[in-house]
Protein backbone atom coordinates (compact mmCIF):
# COMPACT_ATOMS: atom_id res chain seq x y z
CA MET A 1 234.51 177.71 -45.24
CA THR A 2 234.58 177.62 -41.43
CA LYS A 3 231.33 176.39 -39.87
CA ILE A 4 230.41 178.10 -36.58
CA ILE A 5 228.05 177.22 -33.73
CA LEU A 6 227.08 180.49 -32.04
CA SER A 7 226.30 180.27 -28.33
CA GLY A 8 224.13 183.16 -27.14
CA CYS A 9 222.85 183.84 -30.64
CA PHE A 10 219.79 185.83 -29.50
CA GLY A 11 221.78 188.12 -27.20
CA HIS A 12 222.98 191.54 -28.30
CA MET A 13 226.47 190.33 -29.20
CA GLY A 14 225.01 187.22 -30.82
CA LYS A 15 223.00 189.36 -33.19
CA VAL A 16 226.03 191.52 -34.00
CA ILE A 17 228.11 188.41 -34.76
CA THR A 18 225.32 186.98 -36.93
CA ASP A 19 225.31 190.19 -38.99
CA CYS A 20 229.12 190.23 -39.13
CA VAL A 21 229.37 186.64 -40.38
CA ALA A 22 226.63 187.25 -42.98
CA LYS A 23 228.93 189.78 -44.66
CA ARG A 24 231.87 187.37 -44.90
CA ALA A 25 232.68 184.64 -47.43
CA ASP A 26 235.12 182.66 -45.29
CA CYS A 27 232.70 181.43 -42.60
CA GLU A 28 229.05 180.71 -41.84
CA ILE A 29 226.89 180.08 -38.77
CA VAL A 30 225.36 176.63 -39.04
CA ALA A 31 223.63 176.53 -35.63
CA GLY A 32 222.90 178.59 -32.56
CA VAL A 33 222.39 177.84 -28.88
CA ASP A 34 220.19 180.08 -26.71
CA ILE A 35 217.57 179.57 -24.00
CA GLY A 36 215.69 182.64 -25.23
CA ASP A 37 213.26 182.99 -28.09
CA GLY A 38 213.94 184.57 -31.45
CA THR A 39 214.36 183.89 -35.13
CA ALA A 40 217.49 183.08 -37.07
CA ALA A 41 218.51 181.86 -40.51
CA TYR A 42 220.04 178.76 -38.89
CA PRO A 43 218.67 176.13 -36.45
CA VAL A 44 218.75 177.19 -32.77
CA PHE A 45 218.87 174.77 -29.84
CA LYS A 46 218.05 175.37 -26.17
CA SER A 47 221.21 173.62 -24.93
CA PHE A 48 224.36 171.99 -26.27
CA SER A 49 222.97 168.56 -25.35
CA ASP A 50 220.37 169.08 -28.11
CA VAL A 51 222.79 170.16 -30.86
CA ASN A 52 222.93 167.69 -33.78
CA VAL A 53 224.76 169.86 -36.34
CA ASP A 54 228.37 169.37 -37.43
CA ALA A 55 230.67 172.40 -37.20
CA ASP A 56 234.32 173.42 -37.03
CA VAL A 57 234.29 175.76 -34.03
CA ILE A 58 232.08 177.23 -31.30
CA VAL A 59 231.87 180.96 -30.57
CA ASP A 60 230.42 181.75 -27.13
CA PHE A 61 228.95 185.11 -26.12
CA SER A 62 226.36 183.89 -23.64
CA HIS A 63 226.21 183.44 -19.86
CA PRO A 64 228.55 181.77 -17.33
CA SER A 65 225.88 179.13 -16.61
CA VAL A 66 226.32 177.76 -20.15
CA LEU A 67 230.04 177.00 -19.78
CA ASN A 68 229.89 173.45 -18.39
CA GLY A 69 227.54 172.17 -21.09
CA LEU A 70 229.58 173.92 -23.78
CA LEU A 71 232.86 172.39 -22.62
CA GLU A 72 231.35 168.91 -22.33
CA PHE A 73 229.98 169.17 -25.87
CA ALA A 74 233.26 170.56 -27.24
CA VAL A 75 235.34 167.79 -25.64
CA ALA A 76 232.95 165.07 -26.87
CA LYS A 77 233.08 166.46 -30.42
CA LYS A 78 236.79 167.43 -30.25
CA MET A 79 235.62 170.87 -31.37
CA PRO A 80 237.60 174.09 -30.73
CA ALA A 81 235.81 176.92 -28.93
CA VAL A 82 236.22 180.68 -28.62
CA ILE A 83 234.94 181.74 -25.19
CA ALA A 84 234.19 185.46 -24.95
CA THR A 85 231.61 185.37 -22.16
CA THR A 86 232.48 187.61 -19.20
CA GLY A 87 231.65 187.26 -15.52
CA LEU A 88 233.19 183.79 -15.21
CA SER A 89 234.33 182.68 -11.76
CA ASP A 90 237.94 181.78 -10.95
CA GLU A 91 236.87 178.13 -10.85
CA GLN A 92 235.37 178.39 -14.33
CA VAL A 93 238.50 180.03 -15.73
CA ALA A 94 240.56 177.24 -14.15
CA LYS A 95 238.28 174.70 -15.84
CA ILE A 96 238.88 176.37 -19.21
CA HIS A 97 242.63 176.01 -18.71
CA GLU A 98 242.23 172.38 -17.70
CA THR A 99 239.95 171.56 -20.65
CA ALA A 100 242.44 173.22 -23.02
CA LYS A 101 244.67 170.18 -22.47
CA GLU A 102 242.14 168.20 -24.50
CA ILE A 103 240.92 170.65 -27.15
CA PRO A 104 241.93 174.07 -28.53
CA LEU A 105 240.30 176.84 -26.46
CA PHE A 106 240.57 180.55 -27.15
CA PHE A 107 239.65 182.66 -24.14
CA SER A 108 239.71 186.42 -23.67
CA ALA A 109 237.72 188.85 -21.55
CA ASN A 110 237.89 191.26 -24.47
CA MET A 111 238.08 190.37 -28.17
CA SER A 112 239.52 193.74 -29.22
CA ILE A 113 243.08 193.80 -30.60
CA GLY A 114 243.36 197.34 -29.22
CA ILE A 115 242.69 196.16 -25.66
CA SER A 116 245.33 193.46 -26.03
CA LEU A 117 247.84 196.07 -27.15
CA ILE A 118 247.15 198.47 -24.28
CA SER A 119 247.42 195.52 -21.90
CA GLU A 120 250.99 194.98 -23.07
CA LEU A 121 251.73 198.72 -22.89
CA ALA A 122 250.38 198.91 -19.34
CA ALA A 123 252.50 195.93 -18.26
CA LYS A 124 255.62 197.57 -19.67
CA ALA A 125 254.77 200.88 -18.00
CA ALA A 126 254.21 199.09 -14.69
CA ARG A 127 257.66 197.50 -14.86
CA VAL A 128 259.34 200.85 -15.58
CA LEU A 129 257.36 202.85 -13.01
CA GLU A 130 257.13 200.25 -10.23
CA GLY A 131 257.42 201.68 -6.74
CA SER A 132 257.05 205.33 -7.71
CA PHE A 133 253.58 205.53 -9.31
CA ASP A 134 250.13 204.62 -7.99
CA ILE A 135 248.00 202.58 -10.40
CA GLU A 136 244.24 202.99 -10.89
CA ILE A 137 241.93 201.45 -13.49
CA VAL A 138 238.60 203.05 -14.44
CA GLU A 139 236.09 201.29 -16.68
CA ALA A 140 232.71 202.43 -18.00
CA HIS A 141 229.96 200.38 -19.68
CA HIS A 142 226.27 200.58 -20.57
CA ASN A 143 223.60 200.33 -17.90
CA GLN A 144 222.61 196.78 -18.93
CA LYS A 145 225.97 195.21 -18.10
CA ILE A 146 225.65 192.80 -15.18
CA ASP A 147 229.19 192.17 -13.95
CA ALA A 148 231.35 194.84 -12.30
CA PRO A 149 234.18 195.45 -12.58
CA SER A 150 234.40 194.31 -16.17
CA GLY A 151 236.34 191.23 -17.11
CA THR A 152 238.55 193.48 -19.21
CA ALA A 153 239.44 195.67 -16.21
CA LEU A 154 240.44 192.56 -14.28
CA MET A 155 242.43 191.32 -17.29
CA LEU A 156 244.32 194.62 -17.41
CA ALA A 157 244.95 194.48 -13.66
CA ASN A 158 246.24 190.92 -13.93
CA SER A 159 248.56 191.89 -16.78
CA ILE A 160 249.99 194.70 -14.66
CA SER A 161 250.23 192.48 -11.58
CA ASP A 162 252.17 189.83 -13.51
CA ALA A 163 254.70 192.49 -14.56
CA LEU A 164 255.40 193.67 -10.98
CA THR A 165 257.98 192.11 -8.67
CA GLU A 166 255.82 192.81 -5.61
CA LYS A 167 252.29 191.54 -6.25
CA PRO A 168 249.59 194.15 -5.53
CA HIS A 169 246.14 193.59 -4.11
CA TYR A 170 243.03 194.95 -5.83
CA GLU A 171 240.92 197.62 -4.14
CA PHE A 172 237.32 197.76 -5.36
CA ASP A 173 235.68 199.94 -2.71
CA ARG A 174 237.25 202.67 -0.60
CA HIS A 175 234.12 204.43 0.65
CA SER A 176 234.06 202.57 3.96
CA LYS A 177 237.75 203.13 4.69
CA ARG A 178 239.34 206.03 6.54
CA GLN A 179 242.98 205.55 5.74
CA LYS A 180 245.61 206.54 3.23
CA ARG A 181 245.97 204.66 0.00
CA ASP A 182 248.13 201.56 0.20
CA LYS A 183 251.09 201.85 -2.15
CA ASN A 184 250.83 198.17 -2.99
CA GLU A 185 247.38 198.21 -4.55
CA ILE A 186 245.59 198.69 -7.84
CA GLY A 187 242.32 200.57 -7.54
CA ILE A 188 239.59 199.32 -9.89
CA HIS A 189 236.46 201.43 -10.45
CA ALA A 190 233.29 200.68 -12.43
CA ILE A 191 230.89 203.15 -14.04
CA ARG A 192 227.53 202.07 -15.50
CA GLY A 193 225.31 204.32 -17.59
CA GLY A 194 223.51 204.92 -20.84
CA THR A 195 224.75 203.07 -23.91
CA ILE A 196 228.50 203.25 -23.28
CA VAL A 197 230.03 200.39 -25.29
CA GLY A 198 233.25 200.13 -23.33
CA GLU A 199 235.83 202.55 -21.91
CA HIS A 200 239.00 201.51 -20.09
CA GLU A 201 241.67 203.80 -18.67
CA ILE A 202 244.81 202.90 -16.73
CA ILE A 203 246.17 205.78 -14.66
CA PHE A 204 249.75 205.89 -13.40
CA ALA A 205 249.89 208.73 -10.85
CA GLY A 206 253.33 209.81 -9.62
CA LEU A 207 254.99 212.86 -8.11
CA ASP A 208 253.85 215.84 -10.22
CA GLU A 209 253.26 213.52 -13.18
CA ILE A 210 250.32 211.49 -14.50
CA ILE A 211 250.46 208.95 -17.31
CA LYS A 212 247.24 207.57 -18.84
CA ILE A 213 246.69 204.67 -21.21
CA SER A 214 243.15 204.34 -22.52
CA HIS A 215 240.94 202.50 -24.99
CA SER A 216 237.49 203.47 -26.22
CA ALA A 217 235.19 201.05 -28.04
CA ARG A 218 232.73 202.88 -30.30
CA SER A 219 230.66 199.87 -31.38
CA LYS A 220 230.20 196.21 -30.51
CA GLU A 221 231.15 195.24 -34.06
CA LEU A 222 234.86 195.37 -33.21
CA PHE A 223 234.29 192.60 -30.62
CA ALA A 224 232.35 190.56 -33.18
CA VAL A 225 235.14 190.86 -35.74
CA GLY A 226 237.68 189.85 -33.12
CA ALA A 227 235.67 186.78 -32.10
CA VAL A 228 235.15 185.63 -35.69
CA ASN A 229 238.83 186.13 -36.50
CA ALA A 230 239.69 184.11 -33.40
CA ALA A 231 237.39 181.31 -34.59
CA LEU A 232 239.10 181.16 -37.97
CA TYR A 233 242.50 181.26 -36.26
CA LEU A 234 241.58 178.40 -33.90
CA LYS A 235 240.38 176.01 -36.63
CA GLY A 236 242.93 173.23 -37.07
CA LYS A 237 245.02 174.19 -34.02
CA GLU A 238 246.43 171.64 -31.60
CA PRO A 239 244.86 171.34 -28.12
CA GLY A 240 245.94 174.20 -25.89
CA PHE A 241 245.02 177.55 -24.38
CA TYR A 242 245.01 180.46 -26.83
CA SER A 243 244.46 184.19 -26.35
CA MET A 244 244.63 187.49 -28.24
CA LYS A 245 248.40 187.55 -27.61
CA GLN A 246 248.95 184.47 -29.78
CA LEU A 247 246.67 185.82 -32.48
CA ILE A 248 248.52 189.15 -32.56
CA ASP A 249 251.97 187.54 -32.45
CA GLU A 250 251.15 185.54 -35.57
CA LYS A 251 250.05 188.59 -37.54
């Protein structure tokens, strides 16, 4: 039985993960961390400095401001952590990589196996089509999402960029420009509205030909399942940086 500390337990994703874990026999949530108010079937603490419960792994779906306290707690307890919070700064991502030298850390901007697969497909397409196709990424999410573009859109762009011999720059806003599109760029566009769970589309636009790779999330439960599976996967691992790629490769 894998014992989980859930960071952000009163948030929307926290509640989905709580319900997901309640249906499983291979894990349980033994504590939560959240600055908000709510009720749970497990003890909830305002910060990681207050946590006095033993566990096997942390699952984090909270806010970027929580990261430092989480990492300090995880290192002190030698406890693995799955970090699924989006909107992290480049400095925070760098800190995750640095901390992974001491403990096992699983980090992904999107916990969907499907997103990981289309990321690999997009990278392969970029290698094959490089120089002859323009690349655009369009993402859509619900009207309560704070960060834009989504962490997943940036993850997809980075995957494509890593596959190209000539590194592109990212274009987030063309409305103030009066010039032709730069061939060496990836356009990234964000849509916010309604209750859209998550839509991502990569467009390769060439001469008289358009190729599209897309993913549509129909519920948040798929992200919860991915995060819980990542937690079980991370238990017992050596210190290091882990992602959906490692999880998929071991399937």
